[in-house]
Amino acid sequence: MGETKSWILLCDSSRARLFTSNAHGAFIELRAFAHPGSRAHVQDMVSDRPGRRSDGSSGHRSGVSPELEPKEVEAMKFACGLATELKRGLDRHAYDELVLAAPPHFLGLMRQCLDAQVASRVAATFDKDFTTLPLREIEQRIYAFRR
């Protein structure tokens, strides 16, 4: 039987790093992702004035408030985009198991976006932000947690 192929995705709301591990357990970075929209200032994401709607009776119009904050919408877009990449990788048989590490809130967004087949391959999750750590430290932390 062949060796298990693993993908390790480290992410937060604006960046992600995707790794695989070789036969010796060393991580190899496959791809880095960036989502600058998650870093934009809220005032840059919304128009100067709120939308308007009629209340139906007097013709009076009131401001319409968005259901989700713009930063949350951008974070969800990024999480779902990453989930799509994970699905593509699974469809290509690029990995057998998946490890996810992200701050708690973004990890929750990722879980919402994951396809059922991808979710079934998640071997471990870490509610930590490892995106800015050096490679050696990432390896040590992931292996320490997985033991």
N, C-alpha and C. Protein backbone atom coordinates (compact mmCIF):
# COMPACT_ATOMS: atom_id res chain seq x y z
N MET A 1 0.84 -1.18 0.00
CA MET A 1 0.00 0.00 0.00
C MET A 1 0.89 1.24 0.00
N GLY A 2 0.49 2.28 -0.72
CA GLY A 2 1.29 3.49 -0.84
C GLY A 2 1.22 4.37 0.38
N GLU A 3 2.11 5.32 0.41
CA GLU A 3 2.18 6.27 1.51
C GLU A 3 1.04 7.29 1.40
N THR A 4 0.52 7.71 2.55
CA THR A 4 -0.55 8.69 2.58
C THR A 4 -0.03 10.05 2.13
N LYS A 5 -0.72 10.65 1.20
CA LYS A 5 -0.36 11.99 0.73
C LYS A 5 -1.14 13.01 1.54
N SER A 6 -0.43 13.98 2.10
CA SER A 6 -1.07 14.99 2.94
C SER A 6 -0.92 16.37 2.34
N TRP A 7 -1.97 17.16 2.50
CA TRP A 7 -1.91 18.59 2.23
C TRP A 7 -2.13 19.30 3.55
N ILE A 8 -1.42 20.38 3.74
CA ILE A 8 -1.52 21.20 4.94
C ILE A 8 -1.84 22.62 4.49
N LEU A 9 -2.99 23.13 4.91
CA LEU A 9 -3.38 24.49 4.54
C LEU A 9 -3.37 25.35 5.79
N LEU A 10 -2.51 26.38 5.74
CA LEU A 10 -2.43 27.37 6.81
C LEU A 10 -3.05 28.65 6.26
N CYS A 11 -4.02 29.21 6.97
CA CYS A 11 -4.70 30.37 6.40
C CYS A 11 -5.24 31.30 7.47
N ASP A 12 -5.48 32.51 7.03
CA ASP A 12 -6.25 33.49 7.80
C ASP A 12 -7.12 34.21 6.78
N SER A 13 -7.77 35.28 7.15
CA SER A 13 -8.74 35.90 6.25
C SER A 13 -8.12 36.61 5.05
N SER A 14 -6.79 36.76 5.02
CA SER A 14 -6.19 37.47 3.89
C SER A 14 -5.03 36.75 3.21
N ARG A 15 -4.57 35.64 3.77
CA ARG A 15 -3.47 34.91 3.14
C ARG A 15 -3.55 33.43 3.51
N ALA A 16 -2.93 32.63 2.66
CA ALA A 16 -2.90 31.19 2.91
C ALA A 16 -1.64 30.60 2.30
N ARG A 17 -1.20 29.51 2.88
CA ARG A 17 -0.05 28.77 2.37
C ARG A 17 -0.44 27.30 2.34
N LEU A 18 -0.21 26.67 1.19
CA LEU A 18 -0.54 25.27 1.01
C LEU A 18 0.74 24.47 0.89
N PHE A 19 0.84 23.42 1.70
CA PHE A 19 2.02 22.56 1.73
C PHE A 19 1.63 21.12 1.48
N THR A 20 2.61 20.35 1.07
CA THR A 20 2.52 18.90 1.08
C THR A 20 3.73 18.44 1.88
N SER A 21 3.74 17.19 2.27
CA SER A 21 4.93 16.69 2.98
C SER A 21 5.54 15.56 2.17
N ASN A 22 6.87 15.53 2.16
CA ASN A 22 7.56 14.49 1.40
C ASN A 22 7.71 13.23 2.25
N ALA A 23 8.36 12.22 1.71
CA ALA A 23 8.51 10.94 2.39
C ALA A 23 9.26 11.06 3.71
N HIS A 24 10.06 12.11 3.86
CA HIS A 24 10.83 12.31 5.09
C HIS A 24 10.10 13.20 6.08
N GLY A 25 8.91 13.64 5.73
CA GLY A 25 8.12 14.48 6.63
C GLY A 25 8.37 15.97 6.49
N ALA A 26 9.26 16.36 5.58
CA ALA A 26 9.52 17.78 5.38
C ALA A 26 8.38 18.40 4.58
N PHE A 27 8.03 19.61 4.93
CA PHE A 27 6.96 20.31 4.22
C PHE A 27 7.52 20.99 2.98
N ILE A 28 6.75 20.94 1.92
CA ILE A 28 7.10 21.60 0.66
C ILE A 28 5.95 22.53 0.32
N GLU A 29 6.24 23.82 0.18
CA GLU A 29 5.18 24.77 -0.13
C GLU A 29 4.77 24.63 -1.59
N LEU A 30 3.50 24.35 -1.80
CA LEU A 30 2.96 24.20 -3.14
C LEU A 30 2.49 25.52 -3.73
N ARG A 31 1.88 26.33 -2.87
CA ARG A 31 1.29 27.57 -3.37
C ARG A 31 0.99 28.51 -2.21
N ALA A 32 1.08 29.80 -2.51
CA ALA A 32 0.67 30.83 -1.55
C ALA A 32 -0.50 31.58 -2.17
N PHE A 33 -1.44 31.97 -1.34
CA PHE A 33 -2.63 32.70 -1.79
C PHE A 33 -2.70 34.02 -1.03
N ALA A 34 -3.21 35.03 -1.67
CA ALA A 34 -3.42 36.33 -1.00
C ALA A 34 -4.80 36.84 -1.38
N HIS A 35 -5.45 37.47 -0.42
CA HIS A 35 -6.76 38.07 -0.66
C HIS A 35 -6.75 39.48 -0.09
N PRO A 36 -6.25 40.44 -0.86
CA PRO A 36 -6.12 41.81 -0.36
C PRO A 36 -7.45 42.43 0.06
N GLY A 37 -8.56 41.96 -0.50
CA GLY A 37 -9.86 42.51 -0.13
C GLY A 37 -10.17 42.37 1.34
N SER A 38 -9.63 41.35 1.99
CA SER A 38 -9.85 41.16 3.42
C SER A 38 -9.08 42.15 4.26
N ARG A 39 -8.07 42.77 3.67
CA ARG A 39 -7.26 43.74 4.42
C ARG A 39 -7.71 45.17 4.20
N ALA A 40 -8.58 45.39 3.23
CA ALA A 40 -9.03 46.75 2.93
C ALA A 40 -9.75 47.35 4.12
N HIS A 41 -9.69 48.66 4.23
CA HIS A 41 -10.41 49.35 5.29
C HIS A 41 -11.89 49.33 4.95
N VAL A 42 -12.73 49.20 5.96
CA VAL A 42 -14.17 49.10 5.75
C VAL A 42 -14.68 50.28 4.94
N GLN A 43 -14.21 51.50 5.22
CA GLN A 43 -14.71 52.66 4.48
C GLN A 43 -14.37 52.59 3.01
N ASP A 44 -13.34 51.82 2.63
CA ASP A 44 -13.00 51.64 1.22
C ASP A 44 -13.88 50.58 0.56
N MET A 45 -14.56 49.77 1.36
CA MET A 45 -15.37 48.68 0.84
C MET A 45 -16.83 49.07 0.61
N VAL A 46 -17.27 50.13 1.24
CA VAL A 46 -18.68 50.51 1.14
C VAL A 46 -18.80 51.87 0.49
N SER A 47 -19.97 52.14 -0.06
CA SER A 47 -20.19 53.44 -0.68
C SER A 47 -20.31 54.52 0.39
N ASP A 48 -20.31 55.76 -0.05
CA ASP A 48 -20.41 56.86 0.89
C ASP A 48 -21.76 56.93 1.57
N ARG A 49 -22.81 56.51 0.86
CA ARG A 49 -24.15 56.59 1.43
C ARG A 49 -24.80 55.22 1.40
N PRO A 50 -25.60 54.90 2.45
CA PRO A 50 -26.28 53.61 2.44
C PRO A 50 -27.34 53.57 1.35
N GLY A 51 -27.71 52.37 0.91
CA GLY A 51 -28.78 52.22 -0.07
C GLY A 51 -30.09 52.72 0.51
N ARG A 52 -31.08 52.93 -0.36
CA ARG A 52 -32.37 53.43 0.08
C ARG A 52 -33.45 52.45 -0.33
N ARG A 53 -34.49 52.40 0.48
CA ARG A 53 -35.66 51.58 0.12
C ARG A 53 -36.90 52.27 0.63
N SER A 54 -37.99 52.01 -0.03
CA SER A 54 -39.27 52.60 0.35
C SER A 54 -39.92 51.73 1.40
N ASP A 55 -40.60 52.38 2.37
CA ASP A 55 -41.29 51.59 3.38
C ASP A 55 -42.67 51.16 2.90
N GLY A 56 -43.05 51.60 1.69
CA GLY A 56 -44.28 51.13 1.08
C GLY A 56 -45.51 51.95 1.41
N SER A 57 -45.53 52.71 2.49
CA SER A 57 -46.75 53.43 2.84
C SER A 57 -46.66 54.92 2.55
N SER A 58 -45.75 55.58 3.18
CA SER A 58 -45.67 57.04 3.06
C SER A 58 -44.71 57.49 1.98
N GLY A 59 -44.03 56.55 1.36
CA GLY A 59 -43.03 56.93 0.39
C GLY A 59 -41.73 57.34 1.05
N HIS A 60 -41.69 57.31 2.39
CA HIS A 60 -40.47 57.63 3.12
C HIS A 60 -39.43 56.54 2.87
N ARG A 61 -38.20 56.95 2.72
CA ARG A 61 -37.12 55.99 2.47
C ARG A 61 -36.17 55.99 3.66
N SER A 62 -35.67 54.81 3.97
CA SER A 62 -34.71 54.71 5.07
C SER A 62 -33.45 54.03 4.56
N GLY A 63 -32.38 54.21 5.29
CA GLY A 63 -31.12 53.56 4.92
C GLY A 63 -31.25 52.06 5.08
N VAL A 64 -30.61 51.32 4.18
CA VAL A 64 -30.60 49.86 4.25
C VAL A 64 -29.25 49.44 4.79
N SER A 65 -29.25 48.69 5.86
CA SER A 65 -27.97 48.25 6.42
C SER A 65 -27.65 46.86 5.89
N PRO A 66 -26.40 46.60 5.61
CA PRO A 66 -26.03 45.28 5.10
C PRO A 66 -26.18 44.22 6.18
N GLU A 67 -26.50 42.98 5.77
CA GLU A 67 -26.65 41.90 6.73
C GLU A 67 -25.30 41.46 7.28
N LEU A 68 -24.29 41.48 6.45
CA LEU A 68 -22.94 41.09 6.86
C LEU A 68 -22.00 42.28 6.68
N GLU A 69 -21.05 42.38 7.56
CA GLU A 69 -20.03 43.41 7.42
C GLU A 69 -19.19 43.11 6.18
N PRO A 70 -18.72 44.16 5.50
CA PRO A 70 -17.92 43.94 4.28
C PRO A 70 -16.70 43.05 4.52
N LYS A 71 -16.02 43.19 5.64
CA LYS A 71 -14.84 42.36 5.91
C LYS A 71 -15.24 40.89 6.04
N GLU A 72 -16.41 40.64 6.61
CA GLU A 72 -16.89 39.27 6.75
C GLU A 72 -17.21 38.67 5.38
N VAL A 73 -17.80 39.47 4.52
CA VAL A 73 -18.11 39.02 3.16
C VAL A 73 -16.81 38.65 2.43
N GLU A 74 -15.79 39.50 2.55
CA GLU A 74 -14.50 39.23 1.89
C GLU A 74 -13.84 37.99 2.47
N ALA A 75 -13.91 37.81 3.78
CA ALA A 75 -13.33 36.62 4.41
C ALA A 75 -14.04 35.36 3.91
N MET A 76 -15.36 35.43 3.79
CA MET A 76 -16.13 34.28 3.31
C MET A 76 -15.77 33.97 1.85
N LYS A 77 -15.61 34.99 1.03
CA LYS A 77 -15.19 34.78 -0.37
C LYS A 77 -13.86 34.04 -0.41
N PHE A 78 -12.91 34.48 0.42
CA PHE A 78 -11.59 33.87 0.43
C PHE A 78 -11.67 32.42 0.92
N ALA A 79 -12.42 32.18 1.99
CA ALA A 79 -12.56 30.83 2.52
C ALA A 79 -13.16 29.90 1.47
N CYS A 80 -14.18 30.36 0.78
CA CYS A 80 -14.82 29.52 -0.24
C CYS A 80 -13.91 29.31 -1.45
N GLY A 81 -13.11 30.31 -1.78
CA GLY A 81 -12.13 30.14 -2.85
C GLY A 81 -11.08 29.10 -2.50
N LEU A 82 -10.62 29.13 -1.25
CA LEU A 82 -9.65 28.12 -0.80
C LEU A 82 -10.29 26.73 -0.80
N ALA A 83 -11.54 26.66 -0.38
CA ALA A 83 -12.25 25.38 -0.36
C ALA A 83 -12.37 24.82 -1.78
N THR A 84 -12.58 25.69 -2.76
CA THR A 84 -12.65 25.26 -4.16
C THR A 84 -11.31 24.67 -4.60
N GLU A 85 -10.21 25.32 -4.19
CA GLU A 85 -8.88 24.78 -4.53
C GLU A 85 -8.66 23.41 -3.89
N LEU A 86 -9.12 23.25 -2.66
CA LEU A 86 -8.98 21.96 -1.99
C LEU A 86 -9.80 20.88 -2.71
N LYS A 87 -10.97 21.22 -3.18
CA LYS A 87 -11.80 20.27 -3.93
C LYS A 87 -11.12 19.88 -5.24
N ARG A 88 -10.54 20.87 -5.92
CA ARG A 88 -9.81 20.56 -7.17
C ARG A 88 -8.67 19.60 -6.90
N GLY A 89 -7.94 19.84 -5.82
CA GLY A 89 -6.84 18.95 -5.47
C GLY A 89 -7.31 17.54 -5.16
N LEU A 90 -8.41 17.43 -4.45
CA LEU A 90 -8.96 16.11 -4.15
C LEU A 90 -9.41 15.41 -5.43
N ASP A 91 -10.03 16.15 -6.31
CA ASP A 91 -10.48 15.58 -7.59
C ASP A 91 -9.31 15.06 -8.42
N ARG A 92 -8.13 15.68 -8.27
CA ARG A 92 -6.92 15.25 -8.98
C ARG A 92 -6.15 14.17 -8.20
N HIS A 93 -6.68 13.76 -7.05
CA HIS A 93 -6.03 12.78 -6.18
C HIS A 93 -4.66 13.27 -5.71
N ALA A 94 -4.55 14.57 -5.47
CA ALA A 94 -3.28 15.16 -5.03
C ALA A 94 -3.01 14.90 -3.55
N TYR A 95 -4.05 14.57 -2.80
CA TYR A 95 -3.86 14.29 -1.38
C TYR A 95 -4.91 13.28 -0.91
N ASP A 96 -4.54 12.60 0.19
CA ASP A 96 -5.45 11.65 0.83
C ASP A 96 -6.03 12.23 2.12
N GLU A 97 -5.21 13.03 2.80
CA GLU A 97 -5.66 13.65 4.04
C GLU A 97 -5.29 15.13 4.05
N LEU A 98 -6.04 15.88 4.83
CA LEU A 98 -5.90 17.32 4.87
C LEU A 98 -5.74 17.79 6.31
N VAL A 99 -4.84 18.73 6.52
CA VAL A 99 -4.67 19.38 7.81
C VAL A 99 -4.97 20.86 7.59
N LEU A 100 -5.81 21.42 8.44
CA LEU A 100 -6.16 22.84 8.36
C LEU A 100 -5.73 23.56 9.62
N ALA A 101 -5.13 24.74 9.46
CA ALA A 101 -4.77 25.58 10.59
C ALA A 101 -5.18 27.01 10.26
N ALA A 102 -5.98 27.61 11.13
CA ALA A 102 -6.47 28.97 10.92
C ALA A 102 -6.96 29.52 12.26
N PRO A 103 -7.02 30.84 12.39
CA PRO A 103 -7.63 31.40 13.59
C PRO A 103 -9.07 30.88 13.71
N PRO A 104 -9.59 30.78 14.93
CA PRO A 104 -10.89 30.14 15.14
C PRO A 104 -12.02 30.62 14.22
N HIS A 105 -12.18 31.90 14.06
CA HIS A 105 -13.29 32.40 13.24
C HIS A 105 -13.13 31.99 11.78
N PHE A 106 -11.92 32.13 11.25
CA PHE A 106 -11.71 31.77 9.85
C PHE A 106 -11.80 30.26 9.66
N LEU A 107 -11.38 29.49 10.64
CA LEU A 107 -11.52 28.04 10.57
C LEU A 107 -13.00 27.67 10.46
N GLY A 108 -13.85 28.38 11.17
CA GLY A 108 -15.28 28.16 11.06
C GLY A 108 -15.81 28.48 9.67
N LEU A 109 -15.32 29.56 9.07
CA LEU A 109 -15.73 29.90 7.71
C LEU A 109 -15.27 28.82 6.74
N MET A 110 -14.06 28.34 6.92
CA MET A 110 -13.55 27.27 6.05
C MET A 110 -14.45 26.04 6.15
N ARG A 111 -14.82 25.67 7.36
CA ARG A 111 -15.67 24.48 7.54
C ARG A 111 -17.01 24.65 6.82
N GLN A 112 -17.55 25.87 6.84
CA GLN A 112 -18.82 26.13 6.15
C GLN A 112 -18.69 25.94 4.64
N CYS A 113 -17.51 26.24 4.10
CA CYS A 113 -17.31 26.21 2.65
C CYS A 113 -16.85 24.86 2.11
N LEU A 114 -16.34 24.00 2.96
CA LEU A 114 -15.78 22.73 2.48
C LEU A 114 -16.84 21.81 1.91
N ASP A 115 -16.53 21.24 0.77
CA ASP A 115 -17.32 20.18 0.15
C ASP A 115 -17.31 18.98 1.11
N ALA A 116 -18.37 18.20 1.11
CA ALA A 116 -18.47 17.04 2.01
C ALA A 116 -17.31 16.06 1.81
N GLN A 117 -16.90 15.83 0.56
CA GLN A 117 -15.80 14.90 0.29
C GLN A 117 -14.50 15.45 0.87
N VAL A 118 -14.26 16.75 0.73
CA VAL A 118 -13.05 17.36 1.28
C VAL A 118 -13.11 17.29 2.81
N ALA A 119 -14.25 17.64 3.37
CA ALA A 119 -14.40 17.62 4.83
C ALA A 119 -14.11 16.23 5.39
N SER A 120 -14.45 15.19 4.65
CA SER A 120 -14.20 13.82 5.13
C SER A 120 -12.71 13.48 5.14
N ARG A 121 -11.89 14.26 4.44
CA ARG A 121 -10.45 14.01 4.39
C ARG A 121 -9.67 14.80 5.45
N VAL A 122 -10.36 15.66 6.21
CA VAL A 122 -9.68 16.47 7.22
C VAL A 122 -9.24 15.56 8.36
N ALA A 123 -7.92 15.44 8.52
CA ALA A 123 -7.35 14.58 9.54
C ALA A 123 -7.10 15.34 10.85
N ALA A 124 -6.87 16.66 10.74
CA ALA A 124 -6.60 17.47 11.94
C ALA A 124 -6.89 18.93 11.63
N THR A 125 -7.33 19.65 12.65
CA THR A 125 -7.52 21.10 12.53
C THR A 125 -6.87 21.75 13.73
N PHE A 126 -6.35 22.94 13.51
CA PHE A 126 -5.72 23.72 14.56
C PHE A 126 -6.26 25.13 14.52
N ASP A 127 -6.78 25.61 15.62
CA ASP A 127 -7.30 26.97 15.66
C ASP A 127 -6.20 27.95 16.02
N LYS A 128 -5.20 27.97 15.15
CA LYS A 128 -4.00 28.80 15.32
C LYS A 128 -3.65 29.45 13.98
N ASP A 129 -3.04 30.61 14.04
CA ASP A 129 -2.56 31.27 12.82
C ASP A 129 -1.08 30.99 12.66
N PHE A 130 -0.75 30.13 11.73
CA PHE A 130 0.64 29.77 11.45
C PHE A 130 1.15 30.42 10.15
N THR A 131 0.37 31.28 9.53
CA THR A 131 0.68 31.76 8.19
C THR A 131 1.99 32.52 8.08
N THR A 132 2.42 33.18 9.15
CA THR A 132 3.64 34.00 9.07
C THR A 132 4.87 33.32 9.66
N LEU A 133 4.71 32.09 10.12
CA LEU A 133 5.84 31.40 10.75
C LEU A 133 6.82 30.87 9.71
N PRO A 134 8.09 30.76 10.08
CA PRO A 134 9.07 30.13 9.18
C PRO A 134 8.74 28.64 9.01
N LEU A 135 9.13 28.09 7.89
CA LEU A 135 8.81 26.72 7.54
C LEU A 135 9.18 25.73 8.64
N ARG A 136 10.36 25.82 9.19
CA ARG A 136 10.84 24.89 10.21
C ARG A 136 9.91 24.89 11.44
N GLU A 137 9.48 26.08 11.84
CA GLU A 137 8.59 26.19 12.99
C GLU A 137 7.20 25.63 12.69
N ILE A 138 6.75 25.82 11.46
CA ILE A 138 5.45 25.25 11.06
C ILE A 138 5.51 23.73 11.18
N GLU A 139 6.56 23.14 10.64
CA GLU A 139 6.71 21.68 10.72
C GLU A 139 6.69 21.21 12.16
N GLN A 140 7.47 21.87 13.01
CA GLN A 140 7.55 21.48 14.42
C GLN A 140 6.19 21.57 15.12
N ARG A 141 5.48 22.66 14.88
CA ARG A 141 4.19 22.84 15.55
C ARG A 141 3.14 21.85 15.06
N ILE A 142 3.09 21.62 13.78
CA ILE A 142 2.11 20.67 13.24
C ILE A 142 2.42 19.27 13.75
N TYR A 143 3.67 18.86 13.69
CA TYR A 143 4.02 17.51 14.15
C TYR A 143 3.84 17.37 15.66
N ALA A 144 4.14 18.41 16.42
CA ALA A 144 3.95 18.36 17.87
C ALA A 144 2.47 18.19 18.23
N PHE A 145 1.61 18.90 17.52
CA PHE A 145 0.18 18.80 17.79
C PHE A 145 -0.39 17.45 17.36
N ARG A 146 0.14 16.89 16.30
CA ARG A 146 -0.44 15.67 15.73
C ARG A 146 -0.01 14.41 16.48
N ARG A 147 1.00 14.52 17.32
CA ARG A 147 1.47 13.33 18.05
C ARG A 147 0.46 12.89 19.09
